[in-house]
C-alpha atoms as a PDB file:
ATOM      1  CA  TYR A   1      29.870 -17.925  28.690  1.00  0.00           C
ATOM      2  CA  ALA A   2      28.611 -21.512  28.306  1.00  0.00           C
ATOM      3  CA  MET A   3      25.664 -20.790  30.613  1.00  0.00           C
ATOM      4  CA  LEU A   4      24.725 -17.728  28.552  1.00  0.00           C
ATOM      5  CA  LEU A   5      24.819 -19.766  25.332  1.00  0.00           C
ATOM      6  CA  SER A   6      22.775 -22.502  26.994  1.00  0.00           C
ATOM      7  CA  LEU A   7      20.207 -19.951  28.119  1.00  0.00           C
ATOM      8  CA  ILE A   8      19.931 -18.482  24.616  1.00  0.00           C
ATOM      9  CA  PHE A   9      19.560 -21.969  23.139  1.00  0.00           C
ATOM     10  CA  LEU A  10      16.842 -22.797  25.664  1.00  0.00           C
ATOM     11  CA  ILE A  11      14.944 -19.586  24.852  1.00  0.00           C
ATOM     12  CA  VAL A  12      15.090 -20.319  21.119  1.00  0.00           C
ATOM     13  CA  LEU A  13      13.971 -23.905  21.708  1.00  0.00           C
ATOM     14  CA  VAL A  14      10.999 -22.787  23.821  1.00  0.00           C
ATOM     15  CA  ALA A  15      10.037 -20.184  21.194  1.00  0.00           C
ATOM     16  CA  ALA A  16      10.135 -22.841  18.457  1.00  0.00           C
ATOM     17  CA  VAL A  17       7.953 -25.235  20.462  1.00  0.00           C
ATOM     18  CA  VAL A  18       5.440 -22.490  21.312  1.00  0.00           C
ATOM     19  CA  GLY A  19       5.344 -21.403  17.659  1.00  0.00           C
ATOM     20  CA  PHE A  20       4.682 -24.967  16.552  1.00  0.00           C
ATOM     21  CA  VAL A  21       1.977 -25.577  19.151  1.00  0.00           C
ATOM     22  CA  PHE A  22       0.160 -22.323  18.410  1.00  0.00           C
ATOM     23  CA  ARG A  23       0.752 -22.257  14.636  1.00  0.00           C
ATOM     24  CA  HIS A  24      -2.971 -22.325  13.798  1.00  0.00           C
ATOM     25  CA  GLU A  25      -3.725 -19.394  16.087  1.00  0.00           C
ATOM     26  CA  ILE A  26      -0.769 -17.481  14.675  1.00  0.00           C
ATOM     27  CA  LYS A  27      -1.958 -18.126  11.103  1.00  0.00           C
ATOM     28  CA  THR A  28      -5.544 -17.109  11.902  1.00  0.00           C
ATOM     29  CA  ASN A  29      -4.406 -13.963  13.679  1.00  0.00           C
ATOM     30  CA  PHE A  30      -2.068 -13.017  10.814  1.00  0.00           C
ATOM     31  CA  GLU A  31      -4.810 -13.550   8.200  1.00  0.00           C
ATOM     32  CA  SER A  32      -7.382 -11.501  10.122  1.00  0.00           C
ATOM     33  CA  ASN A  33      -4.921  -8.632  10.635  1.00  0.00           C
ATOM     34  CA  LEU A  34      -3.907  -8.719   6.972  1.00  0.00           C
ATOM     35  CA  ASN A  35      -7.599  -8.615   5.983  1.00  0.00           C
ATOM     36  CA  LEU A  36      -8.031  -5.544   8.182  1.00  0.00           C
ATOM     37  CA  ALA A  37      -4.998  -3.936   6.560  1.00  0.00           C
ATOM     38  CA  LEU A  38      -6.437  -4.636   3.087  1.00  0.00           C
ATOM     39  CA  ARG A  39      -9.761  -3.030   4.029  1.00  0.00           C
ATOM     40  CA  GLY A  40      -7.941   0.027   5.374  1.00  0.00           C
ATOM     41  CA  TYR A  41      -5.432   0.202   2.518  1.00  0.00           C
ATOM     42  CA  ASN A  42      -5.115   3.616   0.921  1.00  0.00           C
ATOM     43  CA  VAL A  43      -2.881   5.652  -1.328  1.00  0.00           C
ATOM     44  CA  THR A  44      -1.558   7.960   1.383  1.00  0.00           C
ATOM     45  CA  ALA A  45       1.135   5.463   2.333  1.00  0.00           C
ATOM     46  CA  ASP A  46       0.456   4.986   6.007  1.00  0.00           C
ATOM     47  CA  ARG A  47       2.356   2.318   7.963  1.00  0.00           C
ATOM     48  CA  HIS A  48      -0.225  -0.411   7.348  1.00  0.00           C
ATOM     49  CA  SER A  49      -0.400   0.235   3.612  1.00  0.00           C
ATOM     50  CA  GLU A  50       3.388   0.248   3.355  1.00  0.00           C
ATOM     51  CA  ALA A  51       3.486  -3.051   5.268  1.00  0.00           C
ATOM     52  CA  VAL A  52       0.958  -4.617   2.872  1.00  0.00           C
ATOM     53  CA  ASP A  53       2.992  -3.427  -0.121  1.00  0.00           C
ATOM     54  CA  THR A  54       6.217  -4.770   1.378  1.00  0.00           C
ATOM     55  CA  ILE A  55       4.651  -8.155   2.157  1.00  0.00           C
ATOM     56  CA  GLN A  56       3.227  -8.464  -1.362  1.00  0.00           C
ATOM     57  CA  ARG A  57       6.483  -7.479  -3.074  1.00  0.00           C
ATOM     58  CA  THR A  58       8.700  -9.621  -0.859  1.00  0.00           C
ATOM     59  CA  LEU A  59       6.539 -12.752  -0.862  1.00  0.00           C
ATOM     60  CA  ARG A  60       5.422 -12.252  -4.479  1.00  0.00           C
ATOM     61  CA  CYS A  61       1.795 -12.590  -3.517  1.00  0.00           C
ATOM     62  CA  CYS A  62      -1.398 -10.588  -3.754  1.00  0.00           C
ATOM     63  CA  GLY A  63      -4.115 -10.360  -1.128  1.00  0.00           C
ATOM     64  CA  VAL A  64      -4.623 -12.744   1.768  1.00  0.00           C
ATOM     65  CA  GLN A  65      -5.752 -15.875  -0.089  1.00  0.00           C
ATOM     66  CA  ASN A  66      -5.412 -14.583  -3.670  1.00  0.00           C
ATOM     67  CA  TYR A  67      -5.683 -11.449  -5.789  1.00  0.00           C
ATOM     68  CA  SER A  68      -9.499 -11.482  -5.733  1.00  0.00           C
ATOM     69  CA  ASP A  69      -9.419 -10.440  -2.050  1.00  0.00           C
ATOM     70  CA  TRP A  70      -8.802  -6.902  -3.310  1.00  0.00           C
ATOM     71  CA  GLU A  71     -12.171  -6.848  -5.121  1.00  0.00           C
ATOM     72  CA  LYS A  72     -13.891  -6.594  -1.728  1.00  0.00           C
ATOM     73  CA  THR A  73     -12.055  -3.415  -0.741  1.00  0.00           C
ATOM     74  CA  GLU A  74     -12.900   0.242  -1.222  1.00  0.00           C
ATOM     75  CA  TYR A  75      -9.459   0.783  -2.765  1.00  0.00           C
ATOM     76  CA  PHE A  76     -10.326  -1.613  -5.620  1.00  0.00           C
ATOM     77  CA  SER A  77     -13.464   0.333  -6.534  1.00  0.00           C
ATOM     78  CA  GLN A  78     -11.356   3.486  -6.848  1.00  0.00           C
ATOM     79  CA  ARG A  79      -7.972   2.352  -8.174  1.00  0.00           C
ATOM     80  CA  GLY A  80      -8.042  -1.407  -8.779  1.00  0.00           C
ATOM     81  CA  ILE A  81      -5.441  -3.807  -7.422  1.00  0.00           C
ATOM     82  CA  PRO A  82      -2.310  -2.138  -5.936  1.00  0.00           C
ATOM     83  CA  ARG A  83       0.848  -1.985  -8.049  1.00  0.00           C
ATOM     84  CA  SER A  84       2.708  -3.941  -5.369  1.00  0.00           C
ATOM     85  CA  CYS A  85       0.926  -7.045  -6.711  1.00  0.00           C
ATOM     86  CA  CYS A  86       2.366  -6.628 -10.224  1.00  0.00           C
ATOM     87  CA  LYS A  87       4.780  -9.232 -11.541  1.00  0.00           C
ATOM     88  CA  SER A  88       6.450  -6.546 -13.652  1.00  0.00           C
ATOM     89  CA  GLN A  89       6.074  -2.845 -12.849  1.00  0.00           C
ATOM     90  CA  ASP A  90       6.718  -1.961 -16.520  1.00  0.00           C
ATOM     91  CA  ASP A  91       3.886  -4.158 -17.821  1.00  0.00           C
ATOM     92  CA  CYS A  92       1.126  -3.271 -15.361  1.00  0.00           C
ATOM     93  CA  SER A  93      -1.178  -0.382 -16.239  1.00  0.00           C
ATOM     94  CA  GLU A  94      -3.918   1.094 -14.063  1.00  0.00           C
ATOM     95  CA  GLU A  95      -6.540  -0.080 -16.582  1.00  0.00           C
ATOM     96  CA  ASP A  96      -5.274  -3.658 -16.249  1.00  0.00           C
ATOM     97  CA  LEU A  97      -5.423  -3.442 -12.458  1.00  0.00           C
ATOM     98  CA  LYS A  98      -9.060  -2.296 -12.509  1.00  0.00           C
ATOM     99  CA  ASP A  99     -10.185  -5.303 -14.585  1.00  0.00           C
ATOM    100  CA  PRO A 100      -9.868  -8.592 -12.620  1.00  0.00           C
ATOM    101  CA  SER A 101      -9.718 -10.749 -15.756  1.00  0.00           C
ATOM    102  CA  LYS A 102      -6.789  -8.721 -17.175  1.00  0.00           C
ATOM    103  CA  ALA A 103      -5.180  -8.333 -13.763  1.00  0.00           C
ATOM    104  CA  LYS A 104      -5.040 -12.107 -13.332  1.00  0.00           C
ATOM    105  CA  LEU A 105      -2.393 -12.213 -16.067  1.00  0.00           C
ATOM    106  CA  LYS A 106      -0.375  -9.284 -14.697  1.00  0.00           C
ATOM    107  CA  VAL A 107      -0.327  -9.804 -10.925  1.00  0.00           C
ATOM    108  CA  PHE A 108       0.765 -12.529  -8.547  1.00  0.00           C
ATOM    109  CA  VAL A 109      -2.303 -14.764  -8.351  1.00  0.00           C
ATOM    110  CA  ASP A 110      -1.786 -16.332  -4.906  1.00  0.00           C
END
């Protein structure tokens, strides 16, 4: 039992060290994949779009760097910023989400 616990501890320790050493590559890879997901985001609720919505709701964020990342997407030209960016679902209309200056007050900025 002690050897099994030691092995698990060693695996976790190695994973932590590898994560720390490669943190910049992990961050770059995550950002590029999230950018791809934003460009492919659509209303039909595929797995990638659902993942983007979940990330934005859970982390209370919008876009990769900030909410203006959505302005570069095809989705923005059609529907504006997604509702998953809204601070309050009750106070976030589609008209507000299509106008970046109004949206700045209604969505998570970072």
